[in-house]
């Protein structure tokens, strides 16, 4: 996958910040994703189109992790936790859940998101979350890859 290096959001997150975000969301990011975001926080992919089920999707940008999203008015909108705050109750199917089980990691052109889906296994699948169809405590998703590494490979094709 090729990324526009000029779009990487600094400062890059360090392990300590990733640990805080994981504790807040009550998830454990896959190691491949942790490595990716520590090097490419919020980057815009140059190879941004992938095909799935005879349909093409365009990634606008990967979401970033910021220490303080409010201090960065432009990139703050694309902070993972800020994004979750906007659509939180449409990302889970369990209103009693503390934490998250569908975590957005990239914004798609259509207003949908690429997400890590922790609902079925410890190693999250990668899904498309559909914003127009998802309702409170009823996220509508479609699995596009078994894991994050497989998804990254889709962007290399």
Protein backbone atom coordinates (compact mmCIF):
# COMPACT_ATOMS: atom_id res chain seq x y z
CA UNK A 1 0.00 0.00 0.00
CA UNK A 2 1.28 3.43 -0.90
CA UNK A 3 0.56 6.37 1.40
CA UNK A 4 1.00 10.11 0.98
CA UNK A 5 3.76 10.82 3.51
CA UNK A 6 2.78 14.50 3.55
CA UNK A 7 -0.56 13.62 5.16
CA UNK A 8 0.77 11.77 8.20
CA UNK A 9 -0.47 13.42 11.40
CA UNK A 10 2.19 14.29 13.94
CA UNK A 11 3.09 13.63 16.64
CA UNK A 12 2.97 9.93 15.90
CA UNK A 13 1.32 7.93 18.67
CA UNK A 14 3.59 6.00 20.99
CA UNK A 15 2.84 2.70 22.70
CA UNK A 16 1.79 4.47 25.91
CA UNK A 17 -0.91 6.47 24.08
CA UNK A 18 -2.09 3.38 22.18
CA UNK A 19 -2.36 1.53 25.50
CA UNK A 20 -4.52 4.34 26.91
CA UNK A 21 -6.82 4.26 23.86
CA UNK A 22 -7.10 0.46 24.05
CA UNK A 23 -8.02 0.63 27.75
CA UNK A 24 -10.59 3.34 27.02
CA UNK A 25 -12.20 1.29 24.24
CA UNK A 26 -11.59 -2.03 26.04
CA UNK A 27 -10.00 -3.65 23.01
CA UNK A 28 -6.54 -4.84 22.02
CA UNK A 29 -5.44 -3.64 18.62
CA UNK A 30 -3.72 -6.24 16.42
CA UNK A 31 0.05 -5.79 16.35
CA UNK A 32 0.01 -5.09 12.59
CA UNK A 33 -2.38 -2.18 13.19
CA UNK A 34 -0.31 -0.81 16.09
CA UNK A 35 2.78 -0.80 13.86
CA UNK A 36 0.83 0.83 11.02
CA UNK A 37 -0.62 3.68 13.09
CA UNK A 38 2.68 4.39 14.86
CA UNK A 39 4.24 4.99 11.43
CA UNK A 40 1.29 6.30 9.37
CA UNK A 41 -1.05 8.08 11.79
CA UNK A 42 -3.98 9.55 9.84
CA UNK A 43 -2.33 9.09 6.44
CA UNK A 44 -4.18 9.35 3.14
CA UNK A 45 -3.55 6.29 0.97
CA UNK A 46 -2.46 6.81 -2.61
CA UNK A 47 -3.66 3.29 -3.38
CA UNK A 48 -7.05 4.12 -1.91
CA UNK A 49 -9.47 1.97 -3.91
CA UNK A 50 -10.30 -1.61 -3.08
CA UNK A 51 -12.86 -3.96 -4.57
CA UNK A 52 -15.17 -6.20 -2.64
CA UNK A 53 -18.27 -8.08 -3.83
CA UNK A 54 -18.03 -6.48 -7.28
CA UNK A 55 -18.11 -3.00 -5.80
CA UNK A 56 -15.32 -0.45 -5.44
CA UNK A 57 -14.72 1.55 -2.25
CA UNK A 58 -12.53 4.61 -1.80
CA UNK A 59 -10.66 5.32 1.41
CA UNK A 60 -10.51 9.05 2.15
CA UNK A 61 -8.02 8.67 4.98
CA UNK A 62 -7.02 6.49 7.86
CA UNK A 63 -8.16 7.81 11.21
CA UNK A 64 -5.52 9.10 13.58
CA UNK A 65 -4.87 8.87 17.29
CA UNK A 66 -4.15 12.20 18.93
CA UNK A 67 -3.19 12.99 22.48
CA UNK A 68 -5.68 15.88 22.45
CA UNK A 69 -8.07 15.98 19.48
CA UNK A 70 -9.47 19.36 20.51
CA UNK A 71 -6.09 21.07 20.05
CA UNK A 72 -6.02 20.05 16.38
CA UNK A 73 -9.22 21.41 14.78
CA UNK A 74 -8.52 19.88 11.35
CA UNK A 75 -7.31 16.40 12.25
CA UNK A 76 -9.35 16.25 15.45
CA UNK A 77 -12.40 15.32 13.39
CA UNK A 78 -10.51 12.25 12.19
CA UNK A 79 -9.32 11.10 15.62
CA UNK A 80 -10.57 7.59 16.36
CA UNK A 81 -12.07 8.51 19.73
CA UNK A 82 -13.67 11.70 18.33
CA UNK A 83 -15.20 9.68 15.50
CA UNK A 84 -16.52 7.11 17.96
CA UNK A 85 -18.07 9.87 20.08
CA UNK A 86 -20.08 11.03 17.05
CA UNK A 87 -21.52 7.61 16.13
CA UNK A 88 -20.99 5.60 19.30
CA UNK A 89 -24.42 4.05 19.84
CA UNK A 90 -24.53 2.91 16.19
CA UNK A 91 -21.22 1.02 16.53
CA UNK A 92 -22.39 -1.55 19.05
CA UNK A 93 -25.21 -4.04 19.23
CA UNK A 94 -25.07 -4.22 23.02
CA UNK A 95 -26.33 -1.18 24.91
CA UNK A 96 -24.86 -2.57 28.16
CA UNK A 97 -21.36 -2.94 26.71
CA UNK A 98 -18.63 -0.94 28.36
CA UNK A 99 -16.11 -0.11 25.64
CA UNK A 100 -16.47 -0.80 21.94
CA UNK A 101 -16.78 -3.86 19.76
CA UNK A 102 -16.67 -2.12 16.34
CA UNK A 103 -13.83 0.42 16.09
CA UNK A 104 -13.51 2.73 13.05
CA UNK A 105 -10.00 3.02 11.58
CA UNK A 106 -10.56 4.66 8.17
CA UNK A 107 -13.11 6.98 6.59
CA UNK A 108 -14.60 5.95 3.26
CA UNK A 109 -15.70 8.39 0.58
CA UNK A 110 -19.39 7.72 1.18
CA UNK A 111 -19.47 8.52 4.91
CA UNK A 112 -19.05 4.87 5.85
CA UNK A 113 -16.05 3.58 7.79
CA UNK A 114 -13.59 0.71 7.69
CA UNK A 115 -13.69 -0.82 11.17
CA UNK A 116 -12.07 -3.47 13.28
CA UNK A 117 -14.85 -5.81 14.41
CA UNK A 118 -14.15 -7.46 17.77
CA UNK A 119 -17.59 -9.10 18.09
CA UNK A 120 -16.72 -12.62 16.89
CA UNK A 121 -13.08 -13.29 17.73
CA UNK A 122 -10.17 -11.84 19.66
CA UNK A 123 -8.41 -11.09 16.35
CA UNK A 124 -10.79 -8.58 14.81
CA UNK A 125 -12.11 -8.91 11.28
CA UNK A 126 -12.12 -5.84 9.05
CA UNK A 127 -15.60 -4.66 8.10
CA UNK A 128 -17.30 -1.83 6.32
CA UNK A 129 -19.73 -0.04 8.64
CA UNK A 130 -22.65 1.48 6.72
CA UNK A 131 -23.77 4.76 8.28
CA UNK A 132 -27.10 5.13 6.48
CA UNK A 133 -28.31 1.65 7.43
CA UNK A 134 -26.95 1.51 10.99
CA UNK A 135 -29.28 2.49 13.78
CA UNK A 136 -28.91 2.82 17.51
CA UNK A 137 -27.56 -0.52 18.83
CA UNK A 138 -27.88 -2.05 15.38
CA UNK A 139 -24.68 -1.62 13.37
CA UNK A 140 -24.84 -2.80 9.78
CA UNK A 141 -21.48 -4.16 8.67
CA UNK A 142 -20.02 -6.35 5.97
CA UNK A 143 -16.82 -8.32 6.48
CA UNK A 144 -14.18 -7.50 3.87
CA UNK A 145 -11.13 -9.22 5.39
CA UNK A 146 -10.40 -11.79 8.09
CA UNK A 147 -7.83 -9.50 9.70
CA UNK A 148 -5.98 -6.22 9.25
CA UNK A 149 -3.03 -7.79 7.42
CA UNK A 150 -5.37 -9.27 4.81
CA UNK A 151 -7.04 -5.86 4.42
CA UNK A 152 -3.69 -4.12 3.89
CA UNK A 153 -2.92 -6.70 1.20
CA UNK A 154 -6.16 -5.72 -0.57
CA UNK A 155 -4.77 -2.20 -0.87
CA UNK A 156 -1.63 -3.53 -2.55
CA UNK A 157 -3.53 -5.07 -5.44
